[in-house]
Protein backbone atom coordinates (compact mmCIF):
# COMPACT_ATOMS: atom_id res chain seq x y z
CA MET A 1 -17.06 19.58 -21.09
CA LEU A 2 -15.96 19.45 -24.71
CA HIS A 3 -12.87 20.73 -26.52
CA LEU A 4 -11.86 21.65 -30.05
CA ILE A 5 -8.76 20.54 -31.95
CA LYS A 6 -7.37 22.59 -34.83
CA LEU A 7 -4.26 22.64 -37.01
CA ALA A 8 -2.14 25.77 -36.66
CA VAL A 9 -1.33 25.68 -40.37
CA GLY A 10 2.10 27.10 -41.14
CA SER A 11 3.12 27.28 -37.51
CA PRO A 12 5.99 24.89 -36.82
CA THR A 13 6.07 25.55 -33.05
CA PRO A 14 3.84 26.88 -30.27
CA ASP A 15 6.14 29.93 -29.96
CA VAL A 16 5.42 30.91 -33.57
CA LEU A 17 1.68 30.46 -32.94
CA THR A 18 1.89 32.73 -29.88
CA GLY A 19 3.63 35.42 -31.95
CA TRP A 20 0.98 35.23 -34.68
CA GLN A 21 -1.81 35.52 -32.12
CA LYS A 22 -0.26 38.57 -30.46
CA ARG A 23 0.30 40.36 -33.77
CA ARG A 24 -3.18 39.61 -35.06
CA ALA A 25 -4.86 40.74 -31.84
CA ALA A 26 -2.85 43.99 -31.87
CA GLU A 27 -3.44 44.65 -35.58
CA THR A 28 -7.19 44.03 -35.59
CA GLY A 29 -8.13 45.16 -32.09
CA ALA A 30 -11.02 42.69 -32.37
CA HIS A 31 -12.49 40.95 -29.33
CA GLY A 32 -10.94 43.30 -26.81
CA GLY A 33 -7.39 42.51 -27.93
CA ARG A 34 -7.68 38.84 -26.98
CA PRO A 35 -6.28 36.18 -29.31
CA PHE A 36 -8.92 34.65 -31.57
CA PHE A 37 -9.54 32.76 -34.75
CA ARG A 38 -12.42 32.83 -37.17
CA THR A 39 -14.21 29.82 -38.56
CA ARG A 40 -16.94 29.48 -41.15
CA ASN A 41 -19.16 27.21 -39.05
CA PHE A 42 -20.48 28.06 -35.60
CA PRO A 43 -19.98 25.04 -33.31
CA ARG A 44 -23.37 23.50 -32.61
CA ARG A 45 -22.10 22.29 -29.25
CA ALA A 46 -20.82 25.71 -28.17
CA ASP A 47 -22.48 25.49 -24.74
CA GLU A 48 -20.49 22.34 -23.93
CA ILE A 49 -17.26 23.97 -25.15
CA LEU A 50 -17.84 27.10 -23.09
CA ASP A 51 -18.20 24.93 -19.97
CA GLY A 52 -14.40 24.94 -19.44
CA GLY A 53 -13.27 23.76 -22.89
CA SER A 54 -10.02 24.49 -24.67
CA ILE A 55 -8.65 24.56 -28.19
CA TYR A 56 -5.93 21.95 -28.69
CA TRP A 57 -3.42 23.19 -31.26
CA VAL A 58 -1.56 20.94 -33.69
CA THR A 59 1.76 22.54 -34.70
CA GLY A 60 4.22 20.86 -37.02
CA GLY A 61 2.12 17.68 -37.16
CA MET A 62 1.98 17.25 -33.40
CA LEU A 63 -0.57 18.14 -30.80
CA LEU A 64 1.63 20.07 -28.36
CA CYS A 65 -0.46 22.67 -26.55
CA ARG A 66 -3.87 23.97 -25.63
CA GLN A 67 -5.50 27.29 -24.87
CA ARG A 68 -8.69 28.03 -22.93
CA ILE A 69 -11.71 29.21 -24.91
CA HIS A 70 -13.19 32.42 -23.54
CA ALA A 71 -16.15 32.89 -25.91
CA ILE A 72 -17.66 31.82 -29.22
CA VAL A 73 -19.43 34.73 -30.88
CA PRO A 74 -20.94 35.71 -34.23
CA ASP A 75 -18.24 37.54 -36.20
CA GLN A 76 -17.51 38.93 -39.64
CA ARG A 77 -14.53 38.50 -41.94
CA GLU A 78 -12.79 41.51 -43.52
CA ASP A 79 -14.88 41.07 -46.70
CA GLY A 80 -18.14 41.12 -44.70
CA THR A 81 -18.75 37.37 -44.81
CA PRO A 82 -20.41 36.14 -41.59
CA CYS A 83 -18.50 33.61 -39.50
CA ALA A 84 -17.91 32.55 -35.91
CA GLY A 85 -15.19 34.07 -33.76
CA VAL A 86 -13.54 31.80 -31.20
CA VAL A 87 -12.04 34.09 -28.58
CA LEU A 88 -9.18 32.58 -26.58
CA ASP A 89 -7.95 33.19 -23.07
CA GLY A 90 -4.49 32.95 -21.60
CA PRO A 91 -1.21 31.48 -22.74
CA LEU A 92 -0.58 28.23 -24.59
CA LEU A 93 -0.27 25.38 -22.10
CA PRO A 94 1.92 22.38 -23.02
CA VAL A 95 0.22 18.99 -23.15
CA THR A 96 1.44 15.43 -23.56
CA PRO A 97 2.40 15.43 -27.23
CA ARG A 98 1.09 13.09 -29.87
CA THR A 99 1.17 13.00 -33.63
CA VAL A 100 -1.97 14.00 -35.50
CA LYS A 101 -2.84 13.41 -39.14
CA ALA A 102 -3.81 16.47 -41.15
CA PHE A 103 -7.49 17.47 -41.38
CA GLN A 104 -9.40 20.56 -42.44
CA GLY A 105 -11.10 23.00 -40.12
CA TRP A 106 -11.59 21.99 -36.51
CA ARG A 107 -12.93 18.91 -34.79
CA TYR A 108 -14.57 18.22 -31.46
CA LEU A 109 -12.34 16.55 -28.87
CA SER A 110 -13.94 14.83 -25.89
CA ALA A 111 -12.48 15.42 -22.45
CA ALA A 112 -11.69 11.69 -22.25
CA ASP A 113 -9.60 11.87 -25.46
CA ALA A 114 -7.78 15.09 -24.58
CA PRO A 115 -4.11 14.74 -23.63
CA ALA A 116 -3.01 15.61 -20.12
CA ASP A 117 -1.25 18.87 -19.36
CA LEU A 118 2.49 18.74 -18.83
CA ASP A 119 3.48 20.10 -15.45
CA GLY A 120 6.88 21.50 -16.42
CA ASN A 121 8.57 19.42 -13.76
CA PRO A 122 12.20 18.66 -14.74
CA ALA A 123 12.05 15.38 -12.79
CA THR A 124 9.37 14.05 -15.17
CA GLY A 125 11.06 15.31 -18.34
CA ASP A 126 8.35 17.83 -19.11
CA THR A 127 10.85 20.55 -20.05
CA LEU A 128 12.06 18.94 -23.30
CA PRO A 129 12.11 21.33 -26.25
CA PRO A 130 9.32 20.52 -28.74
CA GLU A 131 11.82 19.63 -31.50
CA MET A 132 13.60 17.11 -29.27
CA ARG A 133 10.31 15.65 -28.03
CA ARG A 134 9.13 15.29 -31.66
CA ALA A 135 12.36 13.49 -32.62
CA LEU A 136 12.20 11.16 -29.62
CA LEU A 137 8.56 10.33 -30.34
CA ALA A 138 9.43 9.56 -33.97
CA LEU A 139 12.09 7.12 -32.71
CA CYS A 140 9.54 5.57 -30.30
CA LEU A 141 11.70 6.59 -27.35
CA LEU A 142 8.90 8.41 -25.53
């Protein structure tokens, strides 16, 4: 299994990203109303990604969440330029946060390097708001 990692440029939080995805899916009606993003290059390792892979989203400089990948299909931009459509499935799932340096496009992320999901259990502190978690990480308190 293989994953992708991508910056959600301009999205300071996972909630903002979710809102963008819902609006875009409703406005375009593409891919059966599922959330998606378009990318110039078709992943050469698409078969490995489609074997249970996810997209790990970096929002506000931190990797905070992931979303399952439903399909990777040939697509077309509004101006007719060919591209790849990465169709997503389900809600954003919180993961153990970590800071990520900026990069362009997307990158492969091995299953071994992917952060663990947070379980939302108050006893383990998994319900911290992203802003607080970011501040505590910056102070090396998490």
